[in-house]
C-alpha cells in the first residue's frame, strides 16, 4: 500500500485587504499521516484548508502537494 502524498505549507500568508488571516504558516504533513488543525474561532483553520483545496490563492508562500507547487493550478 502506498504511503500517500505529502502536503507542505511554506511561509504561507493569506490576506484579505489589510486583514491578515494567516501569518507565515509552515507545516509539513508526510504522506499517510493523520493531521488536524486545532485552534480558536477566527485563527485561520478554515482559510488554510480552503487554500490547500484550491479555493483561495495564497498572498505569499507556497503550497506543495506531492512536492509540486500548487500556485496557479
PDB file of N, CA and C in Angstrom:
ATOM      1  N   UNK A   1       0.848  -1.183   0.000  1.00  0.00           N
ATOM      2  CA  UNK A   1       0.000   0.000   0.000  1.00  0.00           C
ATOM      3  C   UNK A   1       0.889   1.240   0.000  1.00  0.00           C
ATOM      4  N   UNK A   2       0.522   2.229  -0.776  1.00  0.00           N
ATOM      5  CA  UNK A   2       1.276   3.479  -0.879  1.00  0.00           C
ATOM      6  C   UNK A   2       1.129   4.305   0.390  1.00  0.00           C
ATOM      7  N   UNK A   3       2.188   5.017   0.735  1.00  0.00           N
ATOM      8  CA  UNK A   3       2.157   5.867   1.929  1.00  0.00           C
ATOM      9  C   UNK A   3       1.345   7.133   1.712  1.00  0.00           C
ATOM     10  N   UNK A   4       1.024   7.461   0.479  1.00  0.00           N
ATOM     11  CA  UNK A   4       0.247   8.664   0.198  1.00  0.00           C
ATOM     12  C   UNK A   4       1.130   9.822  -0.215  1.00  0.00           C
ATOM     13  N   UNK A   5       0.501  10.947  -0.410  1.00  0.00           N
ATOM     14  CA  UNK A   5       1.166  12.150  -0.908  1.00  0.00           C
ATOM     15  C   UNK A   5       1.257  13.165   0.223  1.00  0.00           C
ATOM     16  N   UNK A   6       2.425  13.744   0.403  1.00  0.00           N
ATOM     17  CA  UNK A   6       2.623  14.733   1.456  1.00  0.00           C
ATOM     18  C   UNK A   6       2.131  16.114   1.057  1.00  0.00           C
ATOM     19  N   UNK A   7       1.878  16.935   2.068  1.00  0.00           N
ATOM     20  CA  UNK A   7       1.452  18.325   1.874  1.00  0.00           C
ATOM     21  C   UNK A   7       2.386  19.215   2.687  1.00  0.00           C
ATOM     22  N   UNK A   8       2.923  20.241   2.032  1.00  0.00           N
ATOM     23  CA  UNK A   8       3.805  21.197   2.698  1.00  0.00           C
ATOM     24  C   UNK A   8       3.271  22.610   2.508  1.00  0.00           C
ATOM     25  N   UNK A   9       3.245  23.367   3.583  1.00  0.00           N
ATOM     26  CA  UNK A   9       2.947  24.796   3.524  1.00  0.00           C
ATOM     27  C   UNK A   9       4.237  25.514   3.871  1.00  0.00           C
ATOM     28  N   UNK A  10       4.674  26.389   2.988  1.00  0.00           N
ATOM     29  CA  UNK A  10       5.932  27.106   3.190  1.00  0.00           C
ATOM     30  C   UNK A  10       5.682  28.605   3.239  1.00  0.00           C
ATOM     31  N   UNK A  11       5.903  29.193   4.409  1.00  0.00           N
ATOM     32  CA  UNK A  11       5.785  30.649   4.585  1.00  0.00           C
ATOM     33  C   UNK A  11       4.468  31.180   4.026  1.00  0.00           C
ATOM     34  N   UNK A  12       3.377  30.521   4.360  1.00  0.00           N
ATOM     35  CA  UNK A  12       2.060  30.837   3.806  1.00  0.00           C
ATOM     36  C   UNK A  12       1.437  32.053   4.492  1.00  0.00           C
ATOM     37  N   UNK A  13       1.094  33.042   3.685  1.00  0.00           N
ATOM     38  CA  UNK A  13       0.377  34.232   4.134  1.00  0.00           C
ATOM     39  C   UNK A  13      -0.898  34.346   3.311  1.00  0.00           C
ATOM     40  N   UNK A  14      -2.014  34.653   3.977  1.00  0.00           N
ATOM     41  CA  UNK A  14      -3.270  34.907   3.274  1.00  0.00           C
ATOM     42  C   UNK A  14      -3.855  36.189   3.842  1.00  0.00           C
ATOM     43  N   UNK A  15      -4.058  37.150   2.958  1.00  0.00           N
ATOM     44  CA  UNK A  15      -4.584  38.460   3.356  1.00  0.00           C
ATOM     45  C   UNK A  15      -5.892  38.724   2.626  1.00  0.00           C
ATOM     46  N   UNK A  16      -6.766  39.434   3.310  1.00  0.00           N
ATOM     47  CA  UNK A  16      -7.992  39.963   2.720  1.00  0.00           C
ATOM     48  C   UNK A  16      -7.926  41.473   2.913  1.00  0.00           C
ATOM     49  N   UNK A  17      -7.440  42.178   1.905  1.00  0.00           N
ATOM     50  CA  UNK A  17      -7.202  43.615   2.050  1.00  0.00           C
ATOM     51  C   UNK A  17      -6.097  43.838   3.069  1.00  0.00           C
ATOM     52  N   UNK A  18      -6.377  44.645   4.084  1.00  0.00           N
ATOM     53  CA  UNK A  18      -5.399  44.917   5.143  1.00  0.00           C
ATOM     54  C   UNK A  18      -5.410  43.862   6.248  1.00  0.00           C
ATOM     55  N   UNK A  19      -6.423  42.994   6.242  1.00  0.00           N
ATOM     56  CA  UNK A  19      -6.555  41.969   7.285  1.00  0.00           C
ATOM     57  C   UNK A  19      -5.702  40.747   6.945  1.00  0.00           C
ATOM     58  N   UNK A  20      -4.853  40.338   7.883  1.00  0.00           N
ATOM     59  CA  UNK A  20      -4.025  39.143   7.700  1.00  0.00           C
ATOM     60  C   UNK A  20      -4.732  37.970   8.375  1.00  0.00           C
ATOM     61  N   UNK A  21      -5.226  37.024   7.567  1.00  0.00           N
ATOM     62  CA  UNK A  21      -5.938  35.861   8.094  1.00  0.00           C
ATOM     63  C   UNK A  21      -4.976  34.745   8.489  1.00  0.00           C
ATOM     64  N   UNK A  22      -3.900  34.569   7.727  1.00  0.00           N
ATOM     65  CA  UNK A  22      -2.881  33.554   8.018  1.00  0.00           C
ATOM     66  C   UNK A  22      -1.523  34.229   7.896  1.00  0.00           C
ATOM     67  N   UNK A  23      -0.716  34.090   8.936  1.00  0.00           N
ATOM     68  CA  UNK A  23       0.578  34.779   9.002  1.00  0.00           C
ATOM     69  C   UNK A  23       1.715  33.756   9.088  1.00  0.00           C
ATOM     70  N   UNK A  24       2.460  33.614   8.001  1.00  0.00           N
ATOM     71  CA  UNK A  24       3.697  32.826   7.961  1.00  0.00           C
ATOM     72  C   UNK A  24       3.525  31.398   8.490  1.00  0.00           C
ATOM     73  N   UNK A  25       2.543  30.668   7.954  1.00  0.00           N
ATOM     74  CA  UNK A  25       2.306  29.281   8.360  1.00  0.00           C
ATOM     75  C   UNK A  25       3.298  28.353   7.663  1.00  0.00           C
ATOM     76  N   UNK A  26       3.888  27.463   8.435  1.00  0.00           N
ATOM     77  CA  UNK A  26       4.811  26.450   7.920  1.00  0.00           C
ATOM     78  C   UNK A  26       4.395  25.104   8.494  1.00  0.00           C
ATOM     79  N   UNK A  27       4.009  24.179   7.609  1.00  0.00           N
ATOM     80  CA  UNK A  27       3.531  22.864   8.035  1.00  0.00           C
ATOM     81  C   UNK A  27       4.090  21.821   7.077  1.00  0.00           C
ATOM     82  N   UNK A  28       4.494  20.668   7.622  1.00  0.00           N
ATOM     83  CA  UNK A  28       4.939  19.544   6.810  1.00  0.00           C
ATOM     84  C   UNK A  28       4.141  18.323   7.237  1.00  0.00           C
ATOM     85  N   UNK A  29       3.283  17.840   6.339  1.00  0.00           N
ATOM     86  CA  UNK A  29       2.464  16.663   6.622  1.00  0.00           C
ATOM     87  C   UNK A  29       2.956  15.551   5.704  1.00  0.00           C
ATOM     88  N   UNK A  30       3.497  14.508   6.275  1.00  0.00           N
ATOM     89  CA  UNK A  30       4.021  13.397   5.489  1.00  0.00           C
ATOM     90  C   UNK A  30       2.872  12.543   4.957  1.00  0.00           C
ATOM     91  N   UNK A  31       3.079  11.947   3.796  1.00  0.00           N
ATOM     92  CA  UNK A  31       2.075  11.066   3.212  1.00  0.00           C
ATOM     93  C   UNK A  31       1.709   9.944   4.169  1.00  0.00           C
ATOM     94  N   UNK A  32       0.430   9.688   4.334  1.00  0.00           N
ATOM     95  CA  UNK A  32      -0.051   8.640   5.218  1.00  0.00           C
ATOM     96  C   UNK A  32      -0.282   9.080   6.649  1.00  0.00           C
ATOM     97  N   UNK A  33       0.160  10.275   7.019  1.00  0.00           N
ATOM     98  CA  UNK A  33      -0.047  10.784   8.375  1.00  0.00           C
ATOM     99  C   UNK A  33      -1.460  11.319   8.548  1.00  0.00           C
ATOM    100  N   UNK A  34      -1.953  11.252   9.773  1.00  0.00           N
ATOM    101  CA  UNK A  34      -3.228  11.862  10.148  1.00  0.00           C
ATOM    102  C   UNK A  34      -2.901  13.210  10.760  1.00  0.00           C
ATOM    103  N   UNK A  35      -3.636  14.238  10.354  1.00  0.00           N
ATOM    104  CA  UNK A  35      -3.319  15.593  10.795  1.00  0.00           C
ATOM    105  C   UNK A  35      -4.607  16.366  11.003  1.00  0.00           C
ATOM    106  N   UNK A  36      -4.627  17.247  11.997  1.00  0.00           N
ATOM    107  CA  UNK A  36      -5.792  18.121  12.189  1.00  0.00           C
ATOM    108  C   UNK A  36      -5.320  19.503  12.633  1.00  0.00           C
ATOM    109  N   UNK A  37      -6.126  20.501  12.302  1.00  0.00           N
ATOM    110  CA  UNK A  37      -5.882  21.867  12.754  1.00  0.00           C
ATOM    111  C   UNK A  37      -6.784  22.126  13.949  1.00  0.00           C
ATOM    112  N   UNK A  38      -6.219  22.579  15.040  1.00  0.00           N
ATOM    113  CA  UNK A  38      -6.984  22.927  16.232  1.00  0.00           C
ATOM    114  C   UNK A  38      -6.677  24.367  16.599  1.00  0.00           C
ATOM    115  N   UNK A  39      -7.704  25.088  17.037  1.00  0.00           N
ATOM    116  CA  UNK A  39      -7.493  26.464  17.461  1.00  0.00           C
ATOM    117  C   UNK A  39      -8.815  27.169  17.646  1.00  0.00           C
ATOM    118  N   UNK A  40      -8.772  28.361  18.208  1.00  0.00           N
ATOM    119  CA  UNK A  40      -9.997  29.114  18.468  1.00  0.00           C
ATOM    120  C   UNK A  40     -10.629  29.637  17.177  1.00  0.00           C
ATOM    121  N   UNK A  41     -11.856  30.070  17.293  1.00  0.00           N
ATOM    122  CA  UNK A  41     -12.560  30.668  16.156  1.00  0.00           C
ATOM    123  C   UNK A  41     -11.780  31.853  15.619  1.00  0.00           C
ATOM    124  N   UNK A  42     -11.693  31.923  14.293  1.00  0.00           N
ATOM    125  CA  UNK A  42     -11.052  33.064  13.658  1.00  0.00           C
ATOM    126  C   UNK A  42      -9.540  32.996  13.557  1.00  0.00           C
ATOM    127  N   UNK A  43      -8.934  31.835  13.865  1.00  0.00           N
ATOM    128  CA  UNK A  43      -7.464  31.768  13.842  1.00  0.00           C
ATOM    129  C   UNK A  43      -6.896  31.358  12.485  1.00  0.00           C
ATOM    130  N   UNK A  44      -7.754  31.007  11.506  1.00  0.00           N
ATOM    131  CA  UNK A  44      -7.276  30.711  10.158  1.00  0.00           C
ATOM    132  C   UNK A  44      -7.350  29.255   9.734  1.00  0.00           C
ATOM    133  N   UNK A  45      -7.952  28.387  10.542  1.00  0.00           N
ATOM    134  CA  UNK A  45      -8.022  26.959  10.206  1.00  0.00           C
ATOM    135  C   UNK A  45      -8.723  26.726   8.869  1.00  0.00           C
ATOM    136  N   UNK A  46      -9.920  27.233   8.731  1.00  0.00           N
ATOM    137  CA  UNK A  46     -10.694  27.043   7.501  1.00  0.00           C
ATOM    138  C   UNK A  46     -10.041  27.757   6.332  1.00  0.00           C
ATOM    139  N   UNK A  47      -9.459  28.904   6.561  1.00  0.00           N
ATOM    140  CA  UNK A  47      -8.777  29.646   5.496  1.00  0.00           C
ATOM    141  C   UNK A  47      -7.622  28.828   4.934  1.00  0.00           C
ATOM    142  N   UNK A  48      -6.842  28.187   5.795  1.00  0.00           N
ATOM    143  CA  UNK A  48      -5.748  27.332   5.325  1.00  0.00           C
ATOM    144  C   UNK A  48      -6.302  26.160   4.522  1.00  0.00           C
ATOM    145  N   UNK A  49      -7.345  25.519   5.019  1.00  0.00           N
ATOM    146  CA  UNK A  49      -7.926  24.383   4.294  1.00  0.00           C
ATOM    147  C   UNK A  49      -8.485  24.807   2.944  1.00  0.00           C
ATOM    148  N   UNK A  50      -9.078  25.987   2.870  1.00  0.00           N
ATOM    149  CA  UNK A  50      -9.582  26.491   1.586  1.00  0.00           C
ATOM    150  C   UNK A  50      -8.434  26.751   0.612  1.00  0.00           C
ATOM    151  N   UNK A  51      -7.305  27.217   1.111  1.00  0.00           N
ATOM    152  CA  UNK A  51      -6.141  27.442   0.247  1.00  0.00           C
ATOM    153  C   UNK A  51      -5.559  26.111  -0.236  1.00  0.00           C
ATOM    154  N   UNK A  52      -5.448  25.137   0.658  1.00  0.00           N
ATOM    155  CA  UNK A  52      -4.912  23.826   0.275  1.00  0.00           C
ATOM    156  C   UNK A  52      -5.815  23.160  -0.761  1.00  0.00           C
ATOM    157  N   UNK A  53      -7.123  23.340  -0.623  1.00  0.00           N
ATOM    158  CA  UNK A  53      -8.058  22.710  -1.567  1.00  0.00           C
ATOM    159  C   UNK A  53      -8.201  23.491  -2.869  1.00  0.00           C
ATOM    160  N   UNK A  54      -7.570  24.663  -2.963  1.00  0.00           N
ATOM    161  CA  UNK A  54      -7.576  25.419  -4.211  1.00  0.00           C
ATOM    162  C   UNK A  54      -8.639  26.483  -4.334  1.00  0.00           C
ATOM    163  N   UNK A  55      -9.410  26.715  -3.286  1.00  0.00           N
ATOM    164  CA  UNK A  55     -10.462  27.736  -3.338  1.00  0.00           C
ATOM    165  C   UNK A  55      -9.936  29.143  -3.089  1.00  0.00           C
ATOM    166  N   UNK A  56      -8.750  29.258  -2.476  1.00  0.00           N
ATOM    167  CA  UNK A  56      -8.113  30.557  -2.224  1.00  0.00           C
ATOM    168  C   UNK A  56      -6.677  30.520  -2.722  1.00  0.00           C
ATOM    169  N   UNK A  57      -6.228  31.620  -3.295  1.00  0.00           N
ATOM    170  CA  UNK A  57      -4.831  31.756  -3.710  1.00  0.00           C
ATOM    171  C   UNK A  57      -4.067  32.436  -2.570  1.00  0.00           C
ATOM    172  N   UNK A  58      -2.963  31.852  -2.110  1.00  0.00           N
ATOM    173  CA  UNK A  58      -2.181  32.494  -1.054  1.00  0.00           C
ATOM    174  C   UNK A  58      -1.649  33.857  -1.498  1.00  0.00           C
ATOM    175  N   UNK A  59      -1.563  34.787  -0.561  1.00  0.00           N
ATOM    176  CA  UNK A  59      -0.956  36.087  -0.846  1.00  0.00           C
ATOM    177  C   UNK A  59       0.547  35.941  -1.019  1.00  0.00           C
ATOM    178  N   UNK A  60       1.150  35.076  -0.214  1.00  0.00           N
ATOM    179  CA  UNK A  60       2.590  34.783  -0.279  1.00  0.00           C
ATOM    180  C   UNK A  60       2.796  33.338   0.139  1.00  0.00           C
ATOM    181  N   UNK A  61       3.937  32.795  -0.219  1.00  0.00           N
ATOM    182  CA  UNK A  61       4.293  31.447   0.193  1.00  0.00           C
ATOM    183  C   UNK A  61       3.848  30.400  -0.808  1.00  0.00           C
ATOM    184  N   UNK A  62       4.084  29.145  -0.434  1.00  0.00           N
ATOM    185  CA  UNK A  62       3.813  28.029  -1.333  1.00  0.00           C
ATOM    186  C   UNK A  62       3.022  26.932  -0.650  1.00  0.00           C
ATOM    187  N   UNK A  63       2.199  26.258  -1.450  1.00  0.00           N
ATOM    188  CA  UNK A  63       1.517  25.039  -1.043  1.00  0.00           C
ATOM    189  C   UNK A  63       2.021  23.954  -1.984  1.00  0.00           C
ATOM    190  N   UNK A  64       2.664  22.947  -1.415  1.00  0.00           N
ATOM    191  CA  UNK A  64       3.181  21.849  -2.227  1.00  0.00           C
ATOM    192  C   UNK A  64       2.423  20.574  -1.889  1.00  0.00           C
ATOM    193  N   UNK A  65       1.946  19.888  -2.903  1.00  0.00           N
ATOM    194  CA  UNK A  65       1.276  18.604  -2.737  1.00  0.00           C
ATOM    195  C   UNK A  65       2.078  17.594  -3.547  1.00  0.00           C
ATOM    196  N   UNK A  66       2.608  16.609  -2.859  1.00  0.00           N
ATOM    197  CA  UNK A  66       3.475  15.646  -3.525  1.00  0.00           C
ATOM    198  C   UNK A  66       4.718  16.289  -4.102  1.00  0.00           C
ATOM    199  N   UNK A  67       5.171  17.382  -3.493  1.00  0.00           N
ATOM    200  CA  UNK A  67       6.354  18.092  -3.952  1.00  0.00           C
ATOM    201  C   UNK A  67       6.108  19.063  -5.090  1.00  0.00           C
ATOM    202  N   UNK A  68       4.861  19.116  -5.597  1.00  0.00           N
ATOM    203  CA  UNK A  68       4.536  20.008  -6.717  1.00  0.00           C
ATOM    204  C   UNK A  68       3.856  21.270  -6.192  1.00  0.00           C
ATOM    205  N   UNK A  69       4.372  22.420  -6.606  1.00  0.00           N
ATOM    206  CA  UNK A  69       3.805  23.699  -6.183  1.00  0.00           C
ATOM    207  C   UNK A  69       2.433  23.886  -6.816  1.00  0.00           C
ATOM    208  N   UNK A  70       1.441  24.200  -6.003  1.00  0.00           N
ATOM    209  CA  UNK A  70       0.072  24.355  -6.474  1.00  0.00           C
ATOM    210  C   UNK A  70      -0.262  25.786  -6.876  1.00  0.00           C
ATOM    211  N   UNK A  71       0.700  26.693  -6.789  1.00  0.00           N
ATOM    212  CA  UNK A  71       0.451  28.088  -7.152  1.00  0.00           C
ATOM    213  C   UNK A  71       0.033  28.180  -8.620  1.00  0.00           C
ATOM    214  N   UNK A  72      -1.116  28.765  -8.867  1.00  0.00           N
ATOM    215  CA  UNK A  72      -1.615  28.951 -10.223  1.00  0.00           C
ATOM    216  C   UNK A  72      -2.313  27.743 -10.817  1.00  0.00           C
ATOM    217  N   UNK A  73      -2.448  26.670 -10.054  1.00  0.00           N
ATOM    218  CA  UNK A  73      -3.114  25.465 -10.582  1.00  0.00           C
ATOM    219  C   UNK A  73      -4.606  25.591 -10.405  1.00  0.00           C
TER     220      UNK A  73
END
